[in-house]
Amino acid sequence: MYICICNAVTDRHIEAAVSEGALTVEDLQRQLSLGSQCGSCKDCAKACLKEIHQQNRALAVAAPCFI
């Protein structure tokens, strides 16, 4: 799904950016130029980022890594 139409950023791009270390909308702005045009996507991007982080936390709890 497109999150930022102006820069053609999708939820998959955001997932990839998170896997590369993005933690905040500001990180997404730096990595993907998200929100650099009209800015109307920032709230949706924030919600998408929150959902991805929640999913990652759920996975970490479900499958802990023992080193």
PDB file of N, CA and C in Angstrom:
ATOM      1  N   MET A   1       0.843  -1.165   0.000  1.00  0.00           N
ATOM      2  CA  MET A   1       0.000   0.000   0.000  1.00  0.00           C
ATOM      3  C   MET A   1       0.896   1.239   0.000  1.00  0.00           C
ATOM      4  N   TYR A   2       0.500   2.234  -0.792  1.00  0.00           N
ATOM      5  CA  TYR A   2       1.261   3.473  -0.818  1.00  0.00           C
ATOM      6  C   TYR A   2       1.002   4.275   0.453  1.00  0.00           C
ATOM      7  N   ILE A   3       2.070   4.711   1.073  1.00  0.00           N
ATOM      8  CA  ILE A   3       1.995   5.554   2.260  1.00  0.00           C
ATOM      9  C   ILE A   3       2.264   6.999   1.857  1.00  0.00           C
ATOM     10  N   CYS A   4       3.272   7.202   1.022  1.00  0.00           N
ATOM     11  CA  CYS A   4       3.634   8.540   0.534  1.00  0.00           C
ATOM     12  C   CYS A   4       3.521   8.523  -0.994  1.00  0.00           C
ATOM     13  N   ILE A   5       2.447   9.124  -1.492  1.00  0.00           N
ATOM     14  CA  ILE A   5       2.217   9.154  -2.934  1.00  0.00           C
ATOM     15  C   ILE A   5       3.271  10.020  -3.630  1.00  0.00           C
ATOM     16  N   CYS A   6       3.619  11.143  -3.013  1.00  0.00           N
ATOM     17  CA  CYS A   6       4.563  12.084  -3.649  1.00  0.00           C
ATOM     18  C   CYS A   6       5.905  11.433  -3.983  1.00  0.00           C
ATOM     19  N   ASN A   7       6.364  10.530  -3.106  1.00  0.00           N
ATOM     20  CA  ASN A   7       7.669   9.897  -3.305  1.00  0.00           C
ATOM     21  C   ASN A   7       7.574   8.395  -3.534  1.00  0.00           C
ATOM     22  N   ALA A   8       6.371   7.903  -3.803  1.00  0.00           N
ATOM     23  CA  ALA A   8       6.125   6.491  -4.124  1.00  0.00           C
ATOM     24  C   ALA A   8       6.686   5.541  -3.058  1.00  0.00           C
ATOM     25  N   VAL A   9       6.445   5.885  -1.780  1.00  0.00           N
ATOM     26  CA  VAL A   9       6.902   5.048  -0.671  1.00  0.00           C
ATOM     27  C   VAL A   9       5.753   4.151  -0.231  1.00  0.00           C
ATOM     28  N   THR A  10       6.009   2.853  -0.185  1.00  0.00           N
ATOM     29  CA  THR A  10       4.990   1.895   0.224  1.00  0.00           C
ATOM     30  C   THR A  10       5.284   1.363   1.624  1.00  0.00           C
ATOM     31  N   ASP A  11       4.321   0.603   2.147  1.00  0.00           N
ATOM     32  CA  ASP A  11       4.533  -0.021   3.450  1.00  0.00           C
ATOM     33  C   ASP A  11       5.702  -1.000   3.396  1.00  0.00           C
ATOM     34  N   ARG A  12       5.942  -1.596   2.269  1.00  0.00           N
ATOM     35  CA  ARG A  12       7.086  -2.512   2.134  1.00  0.00           C
ATOM     36  C   ARG A  12       8.415  -1.768   2.206  1.00  0.00           C
ATOM     37  N   HIS A  13       8.442  -0.566   1.651  1.00  0.00           N
ATOM     38  CA  HIS A  13       9.652   0.260   1.773  1.00  0.00           C
ATOM     39  C   HIS A  13       9.904   0.588   3.242  1.00  0.00           C
ATOM     40  N   ILE A  14       8.835   0.893   3.966  1.00  0.00           N
ATOM     41  CA  ILE A  14       8.973   1.213   5.387  1.00  0.00           C
ATOM     42  C   ILE A  14       9.442  -0.016   6.159  1.00  0.00           C
ATOM     43  N   GLU A  15       8.888  -1.186   5.850  1.00  0.00           N
ATOM     44  CA  GLU A  15       9.340  -2.423   6.502  1.00  0.00           C
ATOM     45  C   GLU A  15      10.826  -2.650   6.265  1.00  0.00           C
ATOM     46  N   ALA A  16      11.273  -2.427   5.034  1.00  0.00           N
ATOM     47  CA  ALA A  16      12.695  -2.598   4.714  1.00  0.00           C
ATOM     48  C   ALA A  16      13.546  -1.587   5.480  1.00  0.00           C
ATOM     49  N   ALA A  17      13.081  -0.354   5.575  1.00  0.00           N
ATOM     50  CA  ALA A  17      13.828   0.666   6.299  1.00  0.00           C
ATOM     51  C   ALA A  17      13.923   0.317   7.783  1.00  0.00           C
ATOM     52  N   VAL A  18      12.849  -0.227   8.341  1.00  0.00           N
ATOM     53  CA  VAL A  18      12.873  -0.646   9.745  1.00  0.00           C
ATOM     54  C   VAL A  18      13.871  -1.781   9.934  1.00  0.00           C
ATOM     55  N   SER A  19      13.901  -2.712   9.005  1.00  0.00           N
ATOM     56  CA  SER A  19      14.856  -3.817   9.122  1.00  0.00           C
ATOM     57  C   SER A  19      16.296  -3.324   8.998  1.00  0.00           C
ATOM     58  N   GLU A  20      16.472  -2.149   8.393  1.00  0.00           N
ATOM     59  CA  GLU A  20      17.798  -1.541   8.279  1.00  0.00           C
ATOM     60  C   GLU A  20      18.083  -0.564   9.420  1.00  0.00           C
ATOM     61  N   GLY A  21      17.148  -0.470  10.396  1.00  0.00           N
ATOM     62  CA  GLY A  21      17.419   0.331  11.571  1.00  0.00           C
ATOM     63  C   GLY A  21      16.553   1.550  11.812  1.00  0.00           C
ATOM     64  N   ALA A  22      15.625   1.862  10.919  1.00  0.00           N
ATOM     65  CA  ALA A  22      14.763   3.029  11.126  1.00  0.00           C
ATOM     66  C   ALA A  22      13.865   2.814  12.341  1.00  0.00           C
ATOM     67  N   LEU A  23      13.831   3.811  13.217  1.00  0.00           N
ATOM     68  CA  LEU A  23      13.015   3.728  14.427  1.00  0.00           C
ATOM     69  C   LEU A  23      11.932   4.788  14.491  1.00  0.00           C
ATOM     70  N   THR A  24      12.131   5.887  13.787  1.00  0.00           N
ATOM     71  CA  THR A  24      11.209   7.015  13.867  1.00  0.00           C
ATOM     72  C   THR A  24      10.805   7.488  12.474  1.00  0.00           C
ATOM     73  N   VAL A  25       9.785   8.358  12.435  1.00  0.00           N
ATOM     74  CA  VAL A  25       9.374   8.954  11.165  1.00  0.00           C
ATOM     75  C   VAL A  25      10.521   9.787  10.598  1.00  0.00           C
ATOM     76  N   GLU A  26      11.278  10.409  11.475  1.00  0.00           N
ATOM     77  CA  GLU A  26      12.435  11.197  11.016  1.00  0.00           C
ATOM     78  C   GLU A  26      13.459  10.301  10.319  1.00  0.00           C
ATOM     79  N   ASP A  27      13.644   9.098  10.838  1.00  0.00           N
ATOM     80  CA  ASP A  27      14.535   8.141  10.174  1.00  0.00           C
ATOM     81  C   ASP A  27      14.004   7.800   8.786  1.00  0.00           C
ATOM     82  N   LEU A  28      12.696   7.612   8.684  1.00  0.00           N
ATOM     83  CA  LEU A  28      12.083   7.310   7.384  1.00  0.00           C
ATOM     84  C   LEU A  28      12.245   8.484   6.429  1.00  0.00           C
ATOM     85  N   GLN A  29      12.138   9.700   6.944  1.00  0.00           N
ATOM     86  CA  GLN A  29      12.342  10.886   6.110  1.00  0.00           C
ATOM     87  C   GLN A  29      13.758  10.902   5.535  1.00  0.00           C
ATOM     88  N   ARG A  30      14.742  10.599   6.383  1.00  0.00           N
ATOM     89  CA  ARG A  30      16.141  10.590   5.919  1.00  0.00           C
ATOM     90  C   ARG A  30      16.388   9.469   4.911  1.00  0.00           C
ATOM     91  N   GLN A  31      15.849   8.279   5.181  1.00  0.00           N
ATOM     92  CA  GLN A  31      16.150   7.123   4.334  1.00  0.00           C
ATOM     93  C   GLN A  31      15.309   7.076   3.058  1.00  0.00           C
ATOM     94  N   LEU A  32      14.042   7.520   3.138  1.00  0.00           N
ATOM     95  CA  LEU A  32      13.118   7.327   2.022  1.00  0.00           C
ATOM     96  C   LEU A  32      12.579   8.628   1.421  1.00  0.00           C
ATOM     97  N   SER A  33      12.954   9.756   1.978  1.00  0.00           N
ATOM     98  CA  SER A  33      12.411  11.065   1.584  1.00  0.00           C
ATOM     99  C   SER A  33      10.905  11.143   1.821  1.00  0.00           C
ATOM    100  N   LEU A  34      10.412  10.313   2.706  1.00  0.00           N
ATOM    101  CA  LEU A  34       8.994  10.297   3.043  1.00  0.00           C
ATOM    102  C   LEU A  34       8.609  11.633   3.658  1.00  0.00           C
ATOM    103  N   GLY A  35       7.506  12.214   3.206  1.00  0.00           N
ATOM    104  CA  GLY A  35       7.011  13.454   3.787  1.00  0.00           C
ATOM    105  C   GLY A  35       7.763  14.700   3.386  1.00  0.00           C
ATOM    106  N   SER A  36       8.621  14.608   2.409  1.00  0.00           N
ATOM    107  CA  SER A  36       9.430  15.771   2.036  1.00  0.00           C
ATOM    108  C   SER A  36       8.728  16.703   1.045  1.00  0.00           C
ATOM    109  N   GLN A  37       7.578  16.296   0.551  1.00  0.00           N
ATOM    110  CA  GLN A  37       6.833  17.140  -0.389  1.00  0.00           C
ATOM    111  C   GLN A  37       5.664  17.812   0.330  1.00  0.00           C
ATOM    112  N   CYS A  38       4.511  17.161   0.367  1.00  0.00           N
ATOM    113  CA  CYS A  38       3.331  17.792   0.972  1.00  0.00           C
ATOM    114  C   CYS A  38       3.206  17.494   2.465  1.00  0.00           C
ATOM    115  N   GLY A  39       3.786  16.378   2.919  1.00  0.00           N
ATOM    116  CA  GLY A  39       3.774  16.047   4.337  1.00  0.00           C
ATOM    117  C   GLY A  39       2.515  15.382   4.854  1.00  0.00           C
ATOM    118  N   SER A  40       1.515  15.195   4.002  1.00  0.00           N
ATOM    119  CA  SER A  40       0.247  14.621   4.476  1.00  0.00           C
ATOM    120  C   SER A  40       0.355  13.141   4.836  1.00  0.00           C
ATOM    121  N   CYS A  41       1.446  12.508   4.511  1.00  0.00           N
ATOM    122  CA  CYS A  41       1.625  11.078   4.770  1.00  0.00           C
ATOM    123  C   CYS A  41       2.214  10.781   6.148  1.00  0.00           C
ATOM    124  N   LYS A  42       2.664  11.799   6.860  1.00  0.00           N
ATOM    125  CA  LYS A  42       3.405  11.560   8.098  1.00  0.00           C
ATOM    126  C   LYS A  42       2.597  10.808   9.150  1.00  0.00           C
ATOM    127  N   ASP A  43       1.310  11.124   9.297  1.00  0.00           N
ATOM    128  CA  ASP A  43       0.488  10.421  10.287  1.00  0.00           C
ATOM    129  C   ASP A  43       0.318   8.950   9.914  1.00  0.00           C
ATOM    130  N   CYS A  44       0.087   8.685   8.641  1.00  0.00           N
ATOM    131  CA  CYS A  44      -0.056   7.308   8.178  1.00  0.00           C
ATOM    132  C   CYS A  44       1.266   6.561   8.338  1.00  0.00           C
ATOM    133  N   ALA A  45       2.361   7.217   8.037  1.00  0.00           N
ATOM    134  CA  ALA A  45       3.680   6.597   8.189  1.00  0.00           C
ATOM    135  C   ALA A  45       3.954   6.271   9.642  1.00  0.00           C
ATOM    136  N   LYS A  46       3.562   7.165  10.535  1.00  0.00           N
ATOM    137  CA  LYS A  46       3.754   6.933  11.965  1.00  0.00           C
ATOM    138  C   LYS A  46       2.946   5.721  12.425  1.00  0.00           C
ATOM    139  N   ALA A  47       1.711   5.594  11.954  1.00  0.00           N
ATOM    140  CA  ALA A  47       0.876   4.446  12.305  1.00  0.00           C
ATOM    141  C   ALA A  47       1.463   3.156  11.737  1.00  0.00           C
ATOM    142  N   CYS A  48       1.961   3.209  10.514  1.00  0.00           N
ATOM    143  CA  CYS A  48       2.582   2.041   9.879  1.00  0.00           C
ATOM    144  C   CYS A  48       3.831   1.632  10.652  1.00  0.00           C
ATOM    145  N   LEU A  49       4.638   2.591  11.023  1.00  0.00           N
ATOM    146  CA  LEU A  49       5.854   2.337  11.789  1.00  0.00           C
ATOM    147  C   LEU A  49       5.515   1.702  13.135  1.00  0.00           C
ATOM    148  N   LYS A  50       4.504   2.210  13.802  1.00  0.00           N
ATOM    149  CA  LYS A  50       4.071   1.669  15.093  1.00  0.00           C
ATOM    150  C   LYS A  50       3.625   0.220  14.945  1.00  0.00           C
ATOM    151  N   GLU A  51       2.850  -0.063  13.901  1.00  0.00           N
ATOM    152  CA  GLU A  51       2.372  -1.427  13.658  1.00  0.00           C
ATOM    153  C   GLU A  51       3.532  -2.389  13.405  1.00  0.00           C
ATOM    154  N   ILE A  52       4.502  -1.963  12.620  1.00  0.00           N
ATOM    155  CA  ILE A  52       5.663  -2.809  12.325  1.00  0.00           C
ATOM    156  C   ILE A  52       6.452  -3.094  13.603  1.00  0.00           C
ATOM    157  N   HIS A  53       6.651  -2.067  14.426  1.00  0.00           N
ATOM    158  CA  HIS A  53       7.376  -2.262  15.686  1.00  0.00           C
ATOM    159  C   HIS A  53       6.620  -3.211  16.618  1.00  0.00           C
ATOM    160  N   GLN A  54       5.294  -3.097  16.653  1.00  0.00           N
ATOM    161  CA  GLN A  54       4.493  -4.001  17.486  1.00  0.00           C
ATOM    162  C   GLN A  54       4.607  -5.441  16.991  1.00  0.00           C
ATOM    163  N   GLN A  55       4.567  -5.620  15.681  1.00  0.00           N
ATOM    164  CA  GLN A  55       4.710  -6.963  15.108  1.00  0.00           C
ATOM    165  C   GLN A  55       6.084  -7.537  15.439  1.00  0.00           C
ATOM    166  N   ASN A  56       7.109  -6.712  15.342  1.00  0.00           N
ATOM    167  CA  ASN A  56       8.463  -7.177  15.645  1.00  0.00           C
ATOM    168  C   ASN A  56       8.600  -7.571  17.108  1.00  0.00           C
ATOM    169  N   ARG A  57       7.980  -6.783  18.004  1.00  0.00           N
ATOM    170  CA  ARG A  57       8.020  -7.122  19.429  1.00  0.00           C
ATOM    171  C   ARG A  57       7.295  -8.433  19.690  1.00  0.00           C
ATOM    172  N   ALA A  58       6.146  -8.631  19.042  1.00  0.00           N
ATOM    173  CA  ALA A  58       5.373  -9.862  19.216  1.00  0.00           C
ATOM    174  C   ALA A  58       6.179 -11.068  18.748  1.00  0.00           C
ATOM    175  N   LEU A  59       6.882 -10.907  17.640  1.00  0.00           N
ATOM    176  CA  LEU A  59       7.721 -12.000  17.136  1.00  0.00           C
ATOM    177  C   LEU A  59       8.866 -12.296  18.093  1.00  0.00           C
ATOM    178  N   ALA A  60       9.444 -11.248  18.667  1.00  0.00           N
ATOM    179  CA  ALA A  60      10.558 -11.436  19.599  1.00  0.00           C
ATOM    180  C   ALA A  60      10.105 -12.165  20.849  1.00  0.00           C
ATOM    181  N   VAL A  61       8.901 -11.893  21.309  1.00  0.00           N
ATOM    182  CA  VAL A  61       8.360 -12.564  22.494  1.00  0.00           C
ATOM    183  C   VAL A  61       8.017 -14.006  22.163  1.00  0.00           C
ATOM    184  N   ALA A  62       7.458 -14.248  20.981  1.00  0.00           N
ATOM    185  CA  ALA A  62       7.040 -15.586  20.577  1.00  0.00           C
ATOM    186  C   ALA A  62       8.234 -16.502  20.309  1.00  0.00           C
ATOM    187  N   ALA A  63       9.318 -15.934  19.810  1.00  0.00           N
ATOM    188  CA  ALA A  63      10.497 -16.737  19.465  1.00  0.00           C
ATOM    189  C   ALA A  63      11.749 -16.088  20.032  1.00  0.00           C
ATOM    190  N   PRO A  64      11.960 -16.184  21.333  1.00  0.00           N
ATOM    191  CA  PRO A  64      13.150 -15.566  21.917  1.00  0.00           C
ATOM    192  C   PRO A  64      14.431 -16.217  21.402  1.00  0.00           C
ATOM    193  N   CYS A  65      15.451 -15.429  21.357  1.00  0.00           N
ATOM    194  CA  CYS A  65      16.754 -15.920  20.892  1.00  0.00           C
ATOM    195  C   CYS A  65      17.644 -16.170  22.099  1.00  0.00           C
ATOM    196  N   PHE A  66      18.132 -17.372  22.223  1.00  0.00           N
ATOM    197  CA  PHE A  66      19.014 -17.706  23.324  1.00  0.00           C
ATOM    198  C   PHE A  66      20.435 -17.794  22.806  1.00  0.00           C
ATOM    199  N   ILE A  67      21.270 -16.945  23.325  1.00  0.00           N
ATOM    200  CA  ILE A  67      22.677 -16.934  22.875  1.00  0.00           C
ATOM    201  C   ILE A  67      23.542 -17.483  23.988  1.00  0.00           C
TER     202      ILE A  67
END
